[in-house]
Amino acid sequence: MMNKHWFRVIIGAIFEVSWVVGFKHADTWWEWVLTAAAVYLSFYFLIKAGEVLPAGTAYAVFVGLGTLGTTLVGILAFNEPISVAKVALVVLLLVGIGGLQTVTTKEAN
C-alpha cells in the first residue's frame, strides 16, 4: 500500500511536469507565475517526502515520474512523435520506478 510519503513524491512529480511544460509554453506573466508556483510546489513535496524516504530513491522516482509525465503530455497534448522505442523505454522506466518504490518500502519495514 502506498504511504503518504510516496504520495508526496507523486504529487511533486505532477507539479514537475507542469513547470517543464510551462518553461516551454508560457507566454504571459500569469503563465510564468503558475510555472514558478509549480517549481516551488514540486520541490516542496519532494523535500517533504525526502525527510522520511531515502533521498536518492525518492529523487529517482520523482525524476522518473516527471520524465514519464512530460513524455506523455508531449505526445498527447503537443503531438510530439511516438515510436516503438519510445514506448518501450517508457515501459522500462515504469518498471524501474515500481521496483525502486517496492524495494525501498520493504527496506523501511
Protein backbone atom coordinates (compact mmCIF):
# COMPACT_ATOMS: atom_id res chain seq x y z
CA MET A 1 0.00 0.00 0.00
CA MET A 2 1.25 3.48 -0.84
CA ASN A 3 2.03 5.68 2.12
CA LYS A 4 1.73 9.46 2.27
CA HIS A 5 5.42 9.97 1.62
CA TRP A 6 5.30 8.21 -1.75
CA PHE A 7 2.10 10.13 -2.47
CA ARG A 8 4.09 13.35 -1.91
CA VAL A 9 6.67 12.18 -4.46
CA ILE A 10 3.87 11.59 -6.98
CA ILE A 11 2.28 15.00 -6.33
CA GLY A 12 5.71 16.61 -6.67
CA ALA A 13 6.23 14.84 -9.99
CA ILE A 14 2.89 16.13 -11.27
CA PHE A 15 3.99 19.68 -10.45
CA GLU A 16 7.33 18.93 -12.12
CA VAL A 17 5.53 18.09 -15.37
CA SER A 18 3.60 21.36 -15.01
CA TRP A 19 6.70 23.51 -14.73
CA VAL A 20 8.54 21.71 -17.52
CA VAL A 21 5.57 22.33 -19.83
CA GLY A 22 5.37 25.89 -18.51
CA PHE A 23 9.02 26.58 -19.33
CA LYS A 24 8.36 25.64 -22.93
CA HIS A 25 4.90 27.12 -23.46
CA ALA A 26 4.37 30.04 -21.02
CA ASP A 27 3.85 33.34 -22.82
CA THR A 28 2.02 35.61 -20.39
CA TRP A 29 3.04 36.86 -16.94
CA TRP A 30 0.36 34.79 -15.20
CA GLU A 31 1.52 31.62 -17.00
CA TRP A 32 5.01 32.37 -15.71
CA VAL A 33 3.61 32.88 -12.20
CA LEU A 34 1.90 29.49 -12.40
CA THR A 35 5.12 27.95 -13.70
CA ALA A 36 7.10 29.42 -10.79
CA ALA A 37 4.49 28.14 -8.33
CA ALA A 38 4.75 24.68 -9.88
CA VAL A 39 8.56 24.75 -9.44
CA TYR A 40 8.15 25.65 -5.79
CA LEU A 41 5.46 23.03 -5.13
CA SER A 42 7.30 20.25 -6.94
CA PHE A 43 10.39 20.68 -4.80
CA TYR A 44 8.36 21.29 -1.63
CA PHE A 45 6.67 17.90 -1.98
CA LEU A 46 9.96 16.19 -2.87
CA ILE A 47 11.72 17.73 0.14
CA LYS A 48 8.88 16.73 2.49
CA ALA A 49 9.00 13.15 1.19
CA GLY A 50 12.80 13.11 1.46
CA GLU A 51 12.56 13.83 5.17
CA VAL A 52 11.36 10.23 5.61
CA LEU A 53 12.21 8.32 2.43
CA PRO A 54 15.80 7.77 1.29
CA ALA A 55 16.63 10.93 -0.67
CA GLY A 56 18.29 9.16 -3.61
CA THR A 57 15.40 6.79 -4.17
CA ALA A 58 12.75 9.50 -3.71
CA TYR A 59 14.59 11.71 -6.19
CA ALA A 60 14.98 8.89 -8.73
CA VAL A 61 11.26 8.11 -8.58
CA PHE A 62 10.40 11.84 -8.74
CA VAL A 63 12.52 12.39 -11.84
CA GLY A 64 11.34 9.16 -13.46
CA LEU A 65 7.69 10.05 -12.97
CA GLY A 66 8.39 13.57 -14.19
CA THR A 67 10.05 12.18 -17.31
CA LEU A 68 7.15 9.82 -17.90
CA GLY A 69 4.58 12.57 -17.41
CA THR A 70 6.42 15.07 -19.59
CA THR A 71 6.76 12.49 -22.36
CA LEU A 72 3.05 11.61 -22.20
CA VAL A 73 1.95 15.26 -22.16
CA GLY A 74 4.21 15.96 -25.14
CA ILE A 75 2.70 13.09 -27.10
CA LEU A 76 -0.94 13.62 -26.09
CA ALA A 77 -1.17 17.41 -25.89
CA PHE A 78 1.52 18.68 -28.24
CA ASN A 79 1.58 15.98 -30.93
CA GLU A 80 5.20 15.02 -30.36
CA PRO A 81 6.22 11.94 -32.34
CA ILE A 82 5.81 8.50 -30.82
CA SER A 83 7.76 5.38 -31.68
CA VAL A 84 8.03 1.77 -30.56
CA ALA A 85 11.41 2.56 -28.99
CA LYS A 86 9.93 5.49 -27.02
CA VAL A 87 7.06 3.32 -25.73
CA ALA A 88 9.46 0.50 -24.79
CA LEU A 89 11.73 2.88 -22.90
CA VAL A 90 8.78 4.43 -21.04
CA VAL A 91 7.65 0.93 -20.03
CA LEU A 92 11.18 0.15 -18.84
CA LEU A 93 11.16 3.39 -16.86
CA LEU A 94 7.86 2.41 -15.21
CA VAL A 95 9.28 -0.97 -14.23
CA GLY A 96 12.33 0.71 -12.70
CA ILE A 97 10.22 3.23 -10.78
CA GLY A 98 7.97 0.49 -9.44
CA GLY A 99 10.96 -1.61 -8.49
CA LEU A 100 12.67 1.22 -6.61
CA GLN A 101 9.47 2.06 -4.74
CA THR A 102 8.84 -1.58 -3.83
CA VAL A 103 12.40 -2.28 -2.67
CA THR A 104 12.58 0.93 -0.65
CA THR A 105 9.24 0.25 1.06
CA LYS A 106 10.38 -3.26 2.03
CA GLU A 107 13.72 -1.96 3.36
CA ALA A 108 11.94 0.63 5.50
CA ASN A 109 9.81 -2.01 7.27
